[in-house]
C-alpha atoms as a PDB file:
ATOM      1  CA  UNK A   1     -11.162  17.589 -38.736  1.00  0.00           C
ATOM      2  CA  UNK A   2      -8.392  17.025 -36.191  1.00  0.00           C
ATOM      3  CA  UNK A   3      -7.411  13.423 -35.505  1.00  0.00           C
ATOM      4  CA  UNK A   4      -6.864  12.492 -31.856  1.00  0.00           C
ATOM      5  CA  UNK A   5      -3.411  11.104 -32.415  1.00  0.00           C
ATOM      6  CA  UNK A   6      -1.357  10.030 -29.391  1.00  0.00           C
ATOM      7  CA  UNK A   7       2.221  11.232 -28.990  1.00  0.00           C
ATOM      8  CA  UNK A   8       5.087   8.762 -28.930  1.00  0.00           C
ATOM      9  CA  UNK A   9       5.639   7.445 -25.362  1.00  0.00           C
ATOM     10  CA  UNK A  10       9.400   7.257 -25.966  1.00  0.00           C
ATOM     11  CA  UNK A  11      10.265  10.566 -27.626  1.00  0.00           C
ATOM     12  CA  UNK A  12       6.949  12.511 -27.427  1.00  0.00           C
ATOM     13  CA  UNK A  13       6.909  13.179 -31.186  1.00  0.00           C
ATOM     14  CA  UNK A  14       4.042  12.889 -33.672  1.00  0.00           C
ATOM     15  CA  UNK A  15       2.675   9.524 -34.746  1.00  0.00           C
ATOM     16  CA  UNK A  16       0.700   8.070 -37.629  1.00  0.00           C
ATOM     17  CA  UNK A  17      -1.608   5.099 -37.997  1.00  0.00           C
ATOM     18  CA  UNK A  18       0.168   1.829 -38.688  1.00  0.00           C
ATOM     19  CA  UNK A  19      -2.571  -0.697 -39.339  1.00  0.00           C
ATOM     20  CA  UNK A  20      -4.410  -2.670 -36.667  1.00  0.00           C
ATOM     21  CA  UNK A  21      -3.823  -5.609 -34.365  1.00  0.00           C
ATOM     22  CA  UNK A  22      -5.502  -8.984 -34.726  1.00  0.00           C
ATOM     23  CA  UNK A  23      -8.254  -7.674 -32.447  1.00  0.00           C
ATOM     24  CA  UNK A  24      -8.830  -4.592 -34.568  1.00  0.00           C
ATOM     25  CA  UNK A  25      -7.073  -2.124 -32.266  1.00  0.00           C
ATOM     26  CA  UNK A  26      -5.417   0.760 -34.086  1.00  0.00           C
ATOM     27  CA  UNK A  27      -1.638   0.588 -34.063  1.00  0.00           C
ATOM     28  CA  UNK A  28       0.415   3.779 -34.083  1.00  0.00           C
ATOM     29  CA  UNK A  29       3.995   4.396 -35.224  1.00  0.00           C
ATOM     30  CA  UNK A  30       6.245   7.313 -34.317  1.00  0.00           C
ATOM     31  CA  UNK A  31       7.276   9.381 -37.343  1.00  0.00           C
ATOM     32  CA  UNK A  32      10.682  10.064 -35.790  1.00  0.00           C
ATOM     33  CA  UNK A  33      11.943   7.044 -33.812  1.00  0.00           C
ATOM     34  CA  UNK A  34       9.723   4.396 -35.422  1.00  0.00           C
ATOM     35  CA  UNK A  35       8.343   3.044 -32.134  1.00  0.00           C
ATOM     36  CA  UNK A  36       5.094   1.102 -32.634  1.00  0.00           C
ATOM     37  CA  UNK A  37       2.398   0.913 -29.973  1.00  0.00           C
ATOM     38  CA  UNK A  38      -1.318   0.776 -29.236  1.00  0.00           C
ATOM     39  CA  UNK A  39      -3.249   3.036 -26.900  1.00  0.00           C
ATOM     40  CA  UNK A  40      -3.658   0.214 -24.391  1.00  0.00           C
ATOM     41  CA  UNK A  41       0.110   0.045 -23.917  1.00  0.00           C
ATOM     42  CA  UNK A  42       0.841   3.756 -24.245  1.00  0.00           C
ATOM     43  CA  UNK A  43       0.683   4.613 -20.529  1.00  0.00           C
ATOM     44  CA  UNK A  44       2.836   1.659 -19.513  1.00  0.00           C
ATOM     45  CA  UNK A  45       5.452   2.395 -22.173  1.00  0.00           C
ATOM     46  CA  UNK A  46       5.463   6.088 -21.330  1.00  0.00           C
ATOM     47  CA  UNK A  47       6.129   5.381 -17.654  1.00  0.00           C
ATOM     48  CA  UNK A  48       8.836   2.884 -18.568  1.00  0.00           C
ATOM     49  CA  UNK A  49      10.479   5.430 -20.851  1.00  0.00           C
ATOM     50  CA  UNK A  50      10.301   8.102 -18.141  1.00  0.00           C
ATOM     51  CA  UNK A  51      11.936   5.768 -15.631  1.00  0.00           C
ATOM     52  CA  UNK A  52      14.667   4.908 -18.166  1.00  0.00           C
ATOM     53  CA  UNK A  53      15.513   8.575 -18.660  1.00  0.00           C
ATOM     54  CA  UNK A  54      15.320   9.168 -14.896  1.00  0.00           C
ATOM     55  CA  UNK A  55      17.833   6.385 -14.164  1.00  0.00           C
ATOM     56  CA  UNK A  56      20.102   7.653 -16.932  1.00  0.00           C
ATOM     57  CA  UNK A  57      20.011  11.116 -15.375  1.00  0.00           C
ATOM     58  CA  UNK A  58      20.707  10.181 -11.718  1.00  0.00           C
ATOM     59  CA  UNK A  59      23.367   7.585 -12.527  1.00  0.00           C
ATOM     60  CA  UNK A  60      25.037   9.349 -15.444  1.00  0.00           C
ATOM     61  CA  UNK A  61      26.851  12.598 -16.076  1.00  0.00           C
ATOM     62  CA  UNK A  62      24.352  14.336 -18.352  1.00  0.00           C
ATOM     63  CA  UNK A  63      22.730  17.416 -16.790  1.00  0.00           C
ATOM     64  CA  UNK A  64      18.951  17.622 -16.664  1.00  0.00           C
ATOM     65  CA  UNK A  65      18.947  20.461 -19.204  1.00  0.00           C
ATOM     66  CA  UNK A  66      20.767  18.326 -21.776  1.00  0.00           C
ATOM     67  CA  UNK A  67      18.374  15.400 -21.369  1.00  0.00           C
ATOM     68  CA  UNK A  68      15.454  17.827 -21.653  1.00  0.00           C
ATOM     69  CA  UNK A  69      16.780  19.005 -25.023  1.00  0.00           C
ATOM     70  CA  UNK A  70      16.805  15.431 -26.358  1.00  0.00           C
ATOM     71  CA  UNK A  71      13.155  15.107 -25.257  1.00  0.00           C
ATOM     72  CA  UNK A  72      12.172  18.461 -26.792  1.00  0.00           C
ATOM     73  CA  UNK A  73      10.852  19.739 -23.468  1.00  0.00           C
ATOM     74  CA  UNK A  74      12.017  22.199 -20.826  1.00  0.00           C
ATOM     75  CA  UNK A  75      14.019  21.111 -17.774  1.00  0.00           C
ATOM     76  CA  UNK A  76      11.089  22.111 -15.557  1.00  0.00           C
ATOM     77  CA  UNK A  77       8.725  19.859 -17.529  1.00  0.00           C
ATOM     78  CA  UNK A  78      11.136  16.945 -17.313  1.00  0.00           C
ATOM     79  CA  UNK A  79      11.545  17.513 -13.575  1.00  0.00           C
ATOM     80  CA  UNK A  80       7.759  17.341 -13.213  1.00  0.00           C
ATOM     81  CA  UNK A  81       7.661  14.074 -15.173  1.00  0.00           C
ATOM     82  CA  UNK A  82      10.359  12.618 -12.904  1.00  0.00           C
ATOM     83  CA  UNK A  83       8.458  13.494  -9.719  1.00  0.00           C
ATOM     84  CA  UNK A  84       6.848  10.058  -9.240  1.00  0.00           C
ATOM     85  CA  UNK A  85      10.145   8.253  -9.965  1.00  0.00           C
ATOM     86  CA  UNK A  86      11.621   9.442  -6.661  1.00  0.00           C
ATOM     87  CA  UNK A  87       9.011   7.390  -4.793  1.00  0.00           C
ATOM     88  CA  UNK A  88      10.111   4.083  -6.349  1.00  0.00           C
ATOM     89  CA  UNK A  89      12.477   2.406  -3.860  1.00  0.00           C
ATOM     90  CA  UNK A  90      14.444  -0.451  -5.454  1.00  0.00           C
ATOM     91  CA  UNK A  91      15.072  -3.566  -3.420  1.00  0.00           C
ATOM     92  CA  UNK A  92      18.776  -4.446  -3.113  1.00  0.00           C
ATOM     93  CA  UNK A  93      19.803  -7.908  -4.277  1.00  0.00           C
ATOM     94  CA  UNK A  94      22.217  -9.295  -1.675  1.00  0.00           C
ATOM     95  CA  UNK A  95      24.353 -12.400  -2.075  1.00  0.00           C
ATOM     96  CA  UNK A  96      24.162 -13.669   1.507  1.00  0.00           C
ATOM     97  CA  UNK A  97      26.931 -16.219   0.890  1.00  0.00           C
ATOM     98  CA  UNK A  98      29.516 -13.823  -0.518  1.00  0.00           C
ATOM     99  CA  UNK A  99      32.263 -12.797   1.903  1.00  0.00           C
ATOM    100  CA  UNK A 100      33.924  -9.460   1.179  1.00  0.00           C
ATOM    101  CA  UNK A 101      37.446  -8.558   2.209  1.00  0.00           C
ATOM    102  CA  UNK A 102      36.370  -5.042   3.102  1.00  0.00           C
ATOM    103  CA  UNK A 103      33.044  -3.242   3.480  1.00  0.00           C
ATOM    104  CA  UNK A 104      32.645   0.517   3.864  1.00  0.00           C
ATOM    105  CA  UNK A 105      29.824   1.808   6.080  1.00  0.00           C
ATOM    106  CA  UNK A 106      28.629   5.382   5.847  1.00  0.00           C
ATOM    107  CA  UNK A 107      25.533   7.537   6.069  1.00  0.00           C
ATOM    108  CA  UNK A 108      24.244  10.617   4.301  1.00  0.00           C
ATOM    109  CA  UNK A 109      21.498  12.874   5.596  1.00  0.00           C
ATOM    110  CA  UNK A 110      18.816  13.971   3.159  1.00  0.00           C
ATOM    111  CA  UNK A 111      15.635  15.921   3.649  1.00  0.00           C
ATOM    112  CA  UNK A 112      13.612  12.705   3.871  1.00  0.00           C
ATOM    113  CA  UNK A 113      15.881  11.044   6.440  1.00  0.00           C
ATOM    114  CA  UNK A 114      19.208   9.303   6.926  1.00  0.00           C
ATOM    115  CA  UNK A 115      20.402   6.875   4.260  1.00  0.00           C
ATOM    116  CA  UNK A 116      22.748   4.163   5.569  1.00  0.00           C
ATOM    117  CA  UNK A 117      24.959   2.501   2.960  1.00  0.00           C
ATOM    118  CA  UNK A 118      27.170  -0.593   2.968  1.00  0.00           C
ATOM    119  CA  UNK A 119      29.471  -0.752  -0.046  1.00  0.00           C
ATOM    120  CA  UNK A 120      32.469  -2.597  -1.412  1.00  0.00           C
ATOM    121  CA  UNK A 121      35.167  -1.007  -3.547  1.00  0.00           C
ATOM    122  CA  UNK A 122      33.078  -1.641  -6.659  1.00  0.00           C
ATOM    123  CA  UNK A 123      29.381  -1.390  -5.770  1.00  0.00           C
ATOM    124  CA  UNK A 124      26.695  -0.740  -3.163  1.00  0.00           C
ATOM    125  CA  UNK A 125      25.808  -3.934  -1.277  1.00  0.00           C
ATOM    126  CA  UNK A 126      22.865  -2.817   0.844  1.00  0.00           C
ATOM    127  CA  UNK A 127      21.114   0.320   2.024  1.00  0.00           C
ATOM    128  CA  UNK A 128      18.344   1.281   4.411  1.00  0.00           C
ATOM    129  CA  UNK A 129      16.528   4.418   5.542  1.00  0.00           C
ATOM    130  CA  UNK A 130      16.540   5.582   9.140  1.00  0.00           C
ATOM    131  CA  UNK A 131      16.004   8.687  11.248  1.00  0.00           C
ATOM    132  CA  UNK A 132      19.494   8.613  12.748  1.00  0.00           C
ATOM    133  CA  UNK A 133      22.644   6.484  12.810  1.00  0.00           C
ATOM    134  CA  UNK A 134      21.503   4.226  15.623  1.00  0.00           C
ATOM    135  CA  UNK A 135      22.617   0.711  16.511  1.00  0.00           C
ATOM    136  CA  UNK A 136      19.209  -0.637  15.482  1.00  0.00           C
ATOM    137  CA  UNK A 137      19.414   1.059  12.092  1.00  0.00           C
ATOM    138  CA  UNK A 138      22.899  -0.255  11.365  1.00  0.00           C
ATOM    139  CA  UNK A 139      21.875  -3.720  12.573  1.00  0.00           C
ATOM    140  CA  UNK A 140      19.129  -3.757   9.941  1.00  0.00           C
ATOM    141  CA  UNK A 141      21.709  -2.741   7.347  1.00  0.00           C
ATOM    142  CA  UNK A 142      24.287  -5.384   8.294  1.00  0.00           C
ATOM    143  CA  UNK A 143      22.095  -8.374   9.167  1.00  0.00           C
ATOM    144  CA  UNK A 144      21.598  -9.708   5.578  1.00  0.00           C
ATOM    145  CA  UNK A 145      25.322  -9.443   4.735  1.00  0.00           C
ATOM    146  CA  UNK A 146      27.912 -12.092   5.555  1.00  0.00           C
ATOM    147  CA  UNK A 147      30.635 -10.886   7.919  1.00  0.00           C
ATOM    148  CA  UNK A 148      33.567  -9.348   6.009  1.00  0.00           C
ATOM    149  CA  UNK A 149      37.198  -9.439   7.100  1.00  0.00           C
ATOM    150  CA  UNK A 150      37.316  -5.678   7.707  1.00  0.00           C
ATOM    151  CA  UNK A 151      34.646  -2.994   8.137  1.00  0.00           C
ATOM    152  CA  UNK A 152      35.542   0.673   7.623  1.00  0.00           C
ATOM    153  CA  UNK A 153      33.449   3.203   9.565  1.00  0.00           C
ATOM    154  CA  UNK A 154      33.456   6.882  10.462  1.00  0.00           C
ATOM    155  CA  UNK A 155      33.914   6.001  14.117  1.00  0.00           C
ATOM    156  CA  UNK A 156      30.263   6.398  15.099  1.00  0.00           C
ATOM    157  CA  UNK A 157      29.056   4.345  18.050  1.00  0.00           C
ATOM    158  CA  UNK A 158      25.962   3.049  16.263  1.00  0.00           C
ATOM    159  CA  UNK A 159      27.950   1.360  13.504  1.00  0.00           C
ATOM    160  CA  UNK A 160      30.515  -0.106  15.877  1.00  0.00           C
ATOM    161  CA  UNK A 161      27.878  -1.594  18.182  1.00  0.00           C
ATOM    162  CA  UNK A 162      26.050  -3.153  15.242  1.00  0.00           C
ATOM    163  CA  UNK A 163      29.298  -4.641  13.921  1.00  0.00           C
ATOM    164  CA  UNK A 164      30.089  -6.236  17.275  1.00  0.00           C
ATOM    165  CA  UNK A 165      26.566  -7.700  17.344  1.00  0.00           C
ATOM    166  CA  UNK A 166      26.224  -8.860  13.702  1.00  0.00           C
ATOM    167  CA  UNK A 167      29.861  -9.421  12.731  1.00  0.00           C
ATOM    168  CA  UNK A 168      31.756 -10.355  15.922  1.00  0.00           C
ATOM    169  CA  UNK A 169      34.770 -11.681  13.988  1.00  0.00           C
ATOM    170  CA  UNK A 170      35.127  -8.614  11.754  1.00  0.00           C
ATOM    171  CA  UNK A 171      37.949  -6.161  12.421  1.00  0.00           C
ATOM    172  CA  UNK A 172      37.001  -2.456  12.507  1.00  0.00           C
ATOM    173  CA  UNK A 173      39.065   0.211  10.791  1.00  0.00           C
ATOM    174  CA  UNK A 174      38.533   3.942  11.268  1.00  0.00           C
ATOM    175  CA  UNK A 175      38.178   5.864   8.017  1.00  0.00           C
ATOM    176  CA  UNK A 176      41.229   8.133   7.630  1.00  0.00           C
ATOM    177  CA  UNK A 177      39.197  10.942   6.077  1.00  0.00           C
ATOM    178  CA  UNK A 178      36.810  11.043   9.028  1.00  0.00           C
ATOM    179  CA  UNK A 179      39.728  10.826  11.442  1.00  0.00           C
ATOM    180  CA  UNK A 180      41.331  13.831   9.748  1.00  0.00           C
ATOM    181  CA  UNK A 181      38.102  15.817  10.020  1.00  0.00           C
ATOM    182  CA  UNK A 182      37.874  15.063  13.730  1.00  0.00           C
ATOM    183  CA  UNK A 183      41.439  16.253  14.337  1.00  0.00           C
ATOM    184  CA  UNK A 184      40.993  19.387  12.234  1.00  0.00           C
ATOM    185  CA  UNK A 185      37.826  20.231  14.127  1.00  0.00           C
ATOM    186  CA  UNK A 186      39.950  20.585  17.280  1.00  0.00           C
ATOM    187  CA  UNK A 187      43.238  21.876  15.830  1.00  0.00           C
ATOM    188  CA  UNK A 188      41.962  23.814  12.753  1.00  0.00           C
ATOM    189  CA  UNK A 189      43.711  23.454   9.391  1.00  0.00           C
ATOM    190  CA  UNK A 190      46.423  25.931  10.378  1.00  0.00           C
ATOM    191  CA  UNK A 191      47.244  25.414  14.085  1.00  0.00           C
ATOM    192  CA  UNK A 192      49.477  27.993  15.715  1.00  0.00           C
ATOM    193  CA  UNK A 193      50.664  26.004  18.699  1.00  0.00           C
ATOM    194  CA  UNK A 194      53.349  23.308  18.627  1.00  0.00           C
ATOM    195  CA  UNK A 195      50.929  20.783  20.106  1.00  0.00           C
ATOM    196  CA  UNK A 196      48.375  21.525  17.403  1.00  0.00           C
ATOM    197  CA  UNK A 197      50.980  21.209  14.639  1.00  0.00           C
ATOM    198  CA  UNK A 198      52.150  17.874  16.021  1.00  0.00           C
ATOM    199  CA  UNK A 199      48.574  16.534  15.830  1.00  0.00           C
ATOM    200  CA  UNK A 200      47.888  17.947  12.370  1.00  0.00           C
ATOM    201  CA  UNK A 201      46.701  15.129  10.093  1.00  0.00           C
ATOM    202  CA  UNK A 202      49.173  14.061   7.386  1.00  0.00           C
ATOM    203  CA  UNK A 203      48.562  15.121   3.802  1.00  0.00           C
ATOM    204  CA  UNK A 204      46.599  12.773   1.495  1.00  0.00           C
ATOM    205  CA  UNK A 205      49.830  11.936  -0.362  1.00  0.00           C
ATOM    206  CA  UNK A 206      51.118  10.030   2.672  1.00  0.00           C
ATOM    207  CA  UNK A 207      48.146   7.684   2.387  1.00  0.00           C
ATOM    208  CA  UNK A 208      48.850   6.742  -1.221  1.00  0.00           C
ATOM    209  CA  UNK A 209      50.101   3.250  -1.872  1.00  0.00           C
ATOM    210  CA  UNK A 210      52.630   2.738  -4.642  1.00  0.00           C
ATOM    211  CA  UNK A 211      53.668  -0.593  -6.064  1.00  0.00           C
ATOM    212  CA  UNK A 212      57.447  -1.112  -6.162  1.00  0.00           C
END
């Protein structure tokens, strides 16, 4: 007779009975990792474990195939388990009283929309989803953050208008990488004319700062 034994919510391995709770509910223990649980908490723990592995994957350096091996499943199975995790949108925790020396503003376009990001040199401060890089979208991004001394942008009009509205005392600096891309778009990377060579962006080495 086959026993309907649940699999471990953390490592998906076999389990065995491990006594009962004070209410008489059967307790199970994983034969591999030793995790103890009851059926009432199995779904919650399984989802929590899935989210833990999902965060480790998207924020770490391990490829999906390597994480799948540790879970004894295929990469396709693990990708299917992670499907619901993409719909969980974390809420950023913003210190509204902290004043940064410099904040970098940028956007990246994904299939689901445009993700606007405000970041310091060490971490992401705030983010918001939008359809395009409009003034209204950037205003929503900047409004909860105290005005920094300097804001670095790609030169887009939406970001600059929002900065003037939300942070009127903040100085705006054009990102050198974006400035180089704009120049190269008009001159190409190997201009043939003297005028084009004179406007060729300097090499990245000229932007390095060395301490004496």
